[in-house]
Amino acid sequence: MSGYIKGKSRTQSTLFPEVLDDFISEENTVRVLDVFVDELDLDALDFQRAQPN
């Protein structure tokens, strides 16, 4: 039965919470980096998508 998709157990624990942001304090430096990267104009910096092999 190769087309069968098995669901996940409700009791299965996960490695991370639903949102990783829950573990990062409001004062953490990574929040500044996140805003900085979001503001970058990647097209102007000539970033291109990766070409599949």
PDB file of N, CA and C in Angstrom:
ATOM      1  N   MET A   1       0.848  -1.173   0.000  1.00  0.00           N
ATOM      2  CA  MET A   1       0.000   0.000   0.000  1.00  0.00           C
ATOM      3  C   MET A   1       0.896   1.239   0.000  1.00  0.00           C
ATOM      4  N   SER A   2       1.561   1.507  -1.097  1.00  0.00           N
ATOM      5  CA  SER A   2       2.547   2.586  -1.162  1.00  0.00           C
ATOM      6  C   SER A   2       1.932   3.984  -1.139  1.00  0.00           C
ATOM      7  N   GLY A   3       0.658   4.132  -1.453  1.00  0.00           N
ATOM      8  CA  GLY A   3       0.041   5.449  -1.483  1.00  0.00           C
ATOM      9  C   GLY A   3      -0.511   5.909  -0.146  1.00  0.00           C
ATOM     10  N   TYR A   4      -0.375   5.075   0.874  1.00  0.00           N
ATOM     11  CA  TYR A   4      -0.923   5.402   2.190  1.00  0.00           C
ATOM     12  C   TYR A   4      -0.022   6.380   2.920  1.00  0.00           C
ATOM     13  N   ILE A   5      -0.599   7.450   3.446  1.00  0.00           N
ATOM     14  CA  ILE A   5       0.154   8.437   4.227  1.00  0.00           C
ATOM     15  C   ILE A   5      -0.221   8.257   5.686  1.00  0.00           C
ATOM     16  N   LYS A   6       0.774   7.968   6.503  1.00  0.00           N
ATOM     17  CA  LYS A   6       0.528   7.755   7.928  1.00  0.00           C
ATOM     18  C   LYS A   6       0.536   9.094   8.647  1.00  0.00           C
ATOM     19  N   GLY A   7      -0.450   9.344   9.485  1.00  0.00           N
ATOM     20  CA  GLY A   7      -0.527  10.583  10.257  1.00  0.00           C
ATOM     21  C   GLY A   7       0.424  10.564  11.436  1.00  0.00           C
ATOM     22  N   LYS A   8       0.555  11.691  12.095  1.00  0.00           N
ATOM     23  CA  LYS A   8       1.421  11.804  13.266  1.00  0.00           C
ATOM     24  C   LYS A   8       0.618  11.523  14.528  1.00  0.00           C
ATOM     25  N   SER A   9       1.282  10.909  15.481  1.00  0.00           N
ATOM     26  CA  SER A   9       0.645  10.602  16.754  1.00  0.00           C
ATOM     27  C   SER A   9       0.406  11.886  17.544  1.00  0.00           C
ATOM     28  N   ARG A  10      -0.730  11.971  18.202  1.00  0.00           N
ATOM     29  CA  ARG A  10      -1.024  13.145  19.032  1.00  0.00           C
ATOM     30  C   ARG A  10      -0.106  13.232  20.236  1.00  0.00           C
ATOM     31  N   THR A  11       0.481  12.113  20.635  1.00  0.00           N
ATOM     32  CA  THR A  11       1.351  12.096  21.811  1.00  0.00           C
ATOM     33  C   THR A  11       2.821  12.309  21.454  1.00  0.00           C
ATOM     34  N   GLN A  12       3.126  12.459  20.176  1.00  0.00           N
ATOM     35  CA  GLN A  12       4.508  12.650  19.736  1.00  0.00           C
ATOM     36  C   GLN A  12       5.007  14.026  20.157  1.00  0.00           C
ATOM     37  N   SER A  13       6.126  14.058  20.860  1.00  0.00           N
ATOM     38  CA  SER A  13       6.703  15.355  21.231  1.00  0.00           C
ATOM     39  C   SER A  13       7.492  15.905  20.052  1.00  0.00           C
ATOM     40  N   THR A  14       7.660  17.210  20.028  1.00  0.00           N
ATOM     41  CA  THR A  14       8.390  17.845  18.941  1.00  0.00           C
ATOM     42  C   THR A  14       9.675  18.456  19.466  1.00  0.00           C
ATOM     43  N   LEU A  15      10.605  18.680  18.562  1.00  0.00           N
ATOM     44  CA  LEU A  15      11.886  19.262  18.936  1.00  0.00           C
ATOM     45  C   LEU A  15      11.735  20.740  19.275  1.00  0.00           C
ATOM     46  N   PHE A  16      10.892  21.441  18.550  1.00  0.00           N
ATOM     47  CA  PHE A  16      10.704  22.874  18.739  1.00  0.00           C
ATOM     48  C   PHE A  16       9.237  23.171  19.042  1.00  0.00           C
ATOM     49  N   PRO A  17       8.968  24.318  19.651  1.00  0.00           N
ATOM     50  CA  PRO A  17       7.568  24.696  19.870  1.00  0.00           C
ATOM     51  C   PRO A  17       6.924  25.100  18.548  1.00  0.00           C
ATOM     52  N   GLU A  18       5.675  25.429  18.591  1.00  0.00           N
ATOM     53  CA  GLU A  18       4.966  25.859  17.385  1.00  0.00           C
ATOM     54  C   GLU A  18       5.680  27.022  16.705  1.00  0.00           C
ATOM     55  N   VAL A  19       6.164  27.969  17.501  1.00  0.00           N
ATOM     56  CA  VAL A  19       6.826  29.154  16.970  1.00  0.00           C
ATOM     57  C   VAL A  19       8.137  29.365  17.726  1.00  0.00           C
ATOM     58  N   LEU A  20       9.257  29.371  17.018  1.00  0.00           N
ATOM     59  CA  LEU A  20      10.553  29.575  17.669  1.00  0.00           C
ATOM     60  C   LEU A  20      10.656  30.948  18.310  1.00  0.00           C
ATOM     61  N   ASP A  21       9.888  31.893  17.798  1.00  0.00           N
ATOM     62  CA  ASP A  21       9.895  33.253  18.329  1.00  0.00           C
ATOM     63  C   ASP A  21       9.549  33.282  19.822  1.00  0.00           C
ATOM     64  N   ASP A  22       8.842  32.270  20.288  1.00  0.00           N
ATOM     65  CA  ASP A  22       8.472  32.202  21.705  1.00  0.00           C
ATOM     66  C   ASP A  22       9.689  32.084  22.618  1.00  0.00           C
ATOM     67  N   PHE A  23      10.791  31.552  22.112  1.00  0.00           N
ATOM     68  CA  PHE A  23      11.991  31.359  22.916  1.00  0.00           C
ATOM     69  C   PHE A  23      12.943  32.547  22.879  1.00  0.00           C
ATOM     70  N   ILE A  24      12.689  33.526  22.022  1.00  0.00           N
ATOM     71  CA  ILE A  24      13.603  34.656  21.846  1.00  0.00           C
ATOM     72  C   ILE A  24      13.060  35.860  22.598  1.00  0.00           C
ATOM     73  N   SER A  25      13.867  36.391  23.496  1.00  0.00           N
ATOM     74  CA  SER A  25      13.414  37.546  24.281  1.00  0.00           C
ATOM     75  C   SER A  25      13.306  38.782  23.393  1.00  0.00           C
ATOM     76  N   GLU A  26      12.531  39.743  23.835  1.00  0.00           N
ATOM     77  CA  GLU A  26      12.339  40.979  23.072  1.00  0.00           C
ATOM     78  C   GLU A  26      13.640  41.769  22.941  1.00  0.00           C
ATOM     79  N   GLU A  27      14.572  41.598  23.865  1.00  0.00           N
ATOM     80  CA  GLU A  27      15.825  42.357  23.870  1.00  0.00           C
ATOM     81  C   GLU A  27      16.953  41.637  23.137  1.00  0.00           C
ATOM     82  N   ASN A  28      16.707  40.485  22.573  1.00  0.00           N
ATOM     83  CA  ASN A  28      17.750  39.697  21.930  1.00  0.00           C
ATOM     84  C   ASN A  28      18.253  40.378  20.662  1.00  0.00           C
ATOM     85  N   THR A  29      19.566  40.312  20.449  1.00  0.00           N
ATOM     86  CA  THR A  29      20.213  40.932  19.288  1.00  0.00           C
ATOM     87  C   THR A  29      19.700  40.374  17.965  1.00  0.00           C
ATOM     88  N   VAL A  30      19.272  39.150  17.964  1.00  0.00           N
ATOM     89  CA  VAL A  30      18.817  38.536  16.721  1.00  0.00           C
ATOM     90  C   VAL A  30      17.615  39.273  16.131  1.00  0.00           C
ATOM     91  N   ARG A  31      16.864  39.967  16.946  1.00  0.00           N
ATOM     92  CA  ARG A  31      15.722  40.741  16.433  1.00  0.00           C
ATOM     93  C   ARG A  31      16.190  41.912  15.566  1.00  0.00           C
ATOM     94  N   VAL A  32      17.312  42.522  15.923  1.00  0.00           N
ATOM     95  CA  VAL A  32      17.882  43.601  15.105  1.00  0.00           C
ATOM     96  C   VAL A  32      18.333  43.030  13.766  1.00  0.00           C
ATOM     97  N   LEU A  33      18.988  41.882  13.803  1.00  0.00           N
ATOM     98  CA  LEU A  33      19.444  41.247  12.566  1.00  0.00           C
ATOM     99  C   LEU A  33      18.266  40.864  11.676  1.00  0.00           C
ATOM    100  N   ASP A  34      17.197  40.407  12.278  1.00  0.00           N
ATOM    101  CA  ASP A  34      16.010  40.030  11.522  1.00  0.00           C
ATOM    102  C   ASP A  34      15.434  41.225  10.768  1.00  0.00           C
ATOM    103  N   VAL A  35      15.330  42.360  11.432  1.00  0.00           N
ATOM    104  CA  VAL A  35      14.818  43.576  10.789  1.00  0.00           C
ATOM    105  C   VAL A  35      15.769  44.025   9.684  1.00  0.00           C
ATOM    106  N   PHE A  36      17.071  43.971   9.949  1.00  0.00           N
ATOM    107  CA  PHE A  36      18.065  44.384   8.958  1.00  0.00           C
ATOM    108  C   PHE A  36      17.958  43.539   7.685  1.00  0.00           C
ATOM    109  N   VAL A  37      17.905  42.238   7.834  1.00  0.00           N
ATOM    110  CA  VAL A  37      17.833  41.350   6.669  1.00  0.00           C
ATOM    111  C   VAL A  37      16.524  41.556   5.918  1.00  0.00           C
ATOM    112  N   ASP A  38      15.433  41.767   6.635  1.00  0.00           N
ATOM    113  CA  ASP A  38      14.151  42.014   5.973  1.00  0.00           C
ATOM    114  C   ASP A  38      14.165  43.292   5.142  1.00  0.00           C
ATOM    115  N   GLU A  39      14.973  44.272   5.535  1.00  0.00           N
ATOM    116  CA  GLU A  39      15.030  45.549   4.826  1.00  0.00           C
ATOM    117  C   GLU A  39      15.968  45.525   3.622  1.00  0.00           C
ATOM    118  N   LEU A  40      16.794  44.498   3.482  1.00  0.00           N
ATOM    119  CA  LEU A  40      17.721  44.427   2.353  1.00  0.00           C
ATOM    120  C   LEU A  40      16.962  44.264   1.041  1.00  0.00           C
ATOM    121  N   ASP A  41      17.411  44.968   0.019  1.00  0.00           N
ATOM    122  CA  ASP A  41      16.846  44.813  -1.321  1.00  0.00           C
ATOM    123  C   ASP A  41      17.721  43.807  -2.062  1.00  0.00           C
ATOM    124  N   LEU A  42      17.349  42.546  -2.005  1.00  0.00           N
ATOM    125  CA  LEU A  42      18.179  41.486  -2.567  1.00  0.00           C
ATOM    126  C   LEU A  42      18.296  41.592  -4.084  1.00  0.00           C
ATOM    127  N   ASP A  43      17.287  42.131  -4.755  1.00  0.00           N
ATOM    128  CA  ASP A  43      17.374  42.325  -6.205  1.00  0.00           C
ATOM    129  C   ASP A  43      18.458  43.343  -6.545  1.00  0.00           C
ATOM    130  N   ALA A  44      18.542  44.419  -5.781  1.00  0.00           N
ATOM    131  CA  ALA A  44      19.564  45.441  -6.020  1.00  0.00           C
ATOM    132  C   ALA A  44      20.959  44.912  -5.718  1.00  0.00           C
ATOM    133  N   LEU A  45      21.045  43.947  -4.814  1.00  0.00           N
ATOM    134  CA  LEU A  45      22.338  43.340  -4.482  1.00  0.00           C
ATOM    135  C   LEU A  45      22.699  42.221  -5.452  1.00  0.00           C
ATOM    136  N   ASP A  46      21.868  42.013  -6.464  1.00  0.00           N
ATOM    137  CA  ASP A  46      22.078  41.042  -7.536  1.00  0.00           C
ATOM    138  C   ASP A  46      22.069  39.595  -7.043  1.00  0.00           C
ATOM    139  N   PHE A  47      21.238  39.311  -6.037  1.00  0.00           N
ATOM    140  CA  PHE A  47      21.065  37.925  -5.610  1.00  0.00           C
ATOM    141  C   PHE A  47      20.121  37.255  -6.588  1.00  0.00           C
ATOM    142  N   GLN A  48      20.470  36.055  -6.997  1.00  0.00           N
ATOM    143  CA  GLN A  48      19.637  35.308  -7.924  1.00  0.00           C
ATOM    144  C   GLN A  48      19.257  33.981  -7.290  1.00  0.00           C
ATOM    145  N   ARG A  49      18.193  33.416  -7.785  1.00  0.00           N
ATOM    146  CA  ARG A  49      17.765  32.119  -7.268  1.00  0.00           C
ATOM    147  C   ARG A  49      18.770  31.047  -7.665  1.00  0.00           C
ATOM    148  N   ALA A  50      18.862  30.022  -6.846  1.00  0.00           N
ATOM    149  CA  ALA A  50      19.748  28.900  -7.155  1.00  0.00           C
ATOM    150  C   ALA A  50      19.184  28.132  -8.343  1.00  0.00           C
ATOM    151  N   GLN A  51      20.054  27.674  -9.196  1.00  0.00           N
ATOM    152  CA  GLN A  51      19.657  26.890 -10.352  1.00  0.00           C
ATOM    153  C   GLN A  51      19.738  25.406  -9.995  1.00  0.00           C
ATOM    154  N   PRO A  52      18.652  24.657 -10.156  1.00  0.00           N
ATOM    155  CA  PRO A  52      18.693  23.222  -9.840  1.00  0.00           C
ATOM    156  C   PRO A  52      19.633  22.492 -10.787  1.00  0.00           C
ATOM    157  N   ASN A  53      20.223  21.429 -10.287  1.00  0.00           N
ATOM    158  CA  ASN A  53      21.167  20.635 -11.109  1.00  0.00           C
ATOM    159  C   ASN A  53      20.474  19.881 -12.187  1.00  0.00           C
TER     160      ASN A  53
END
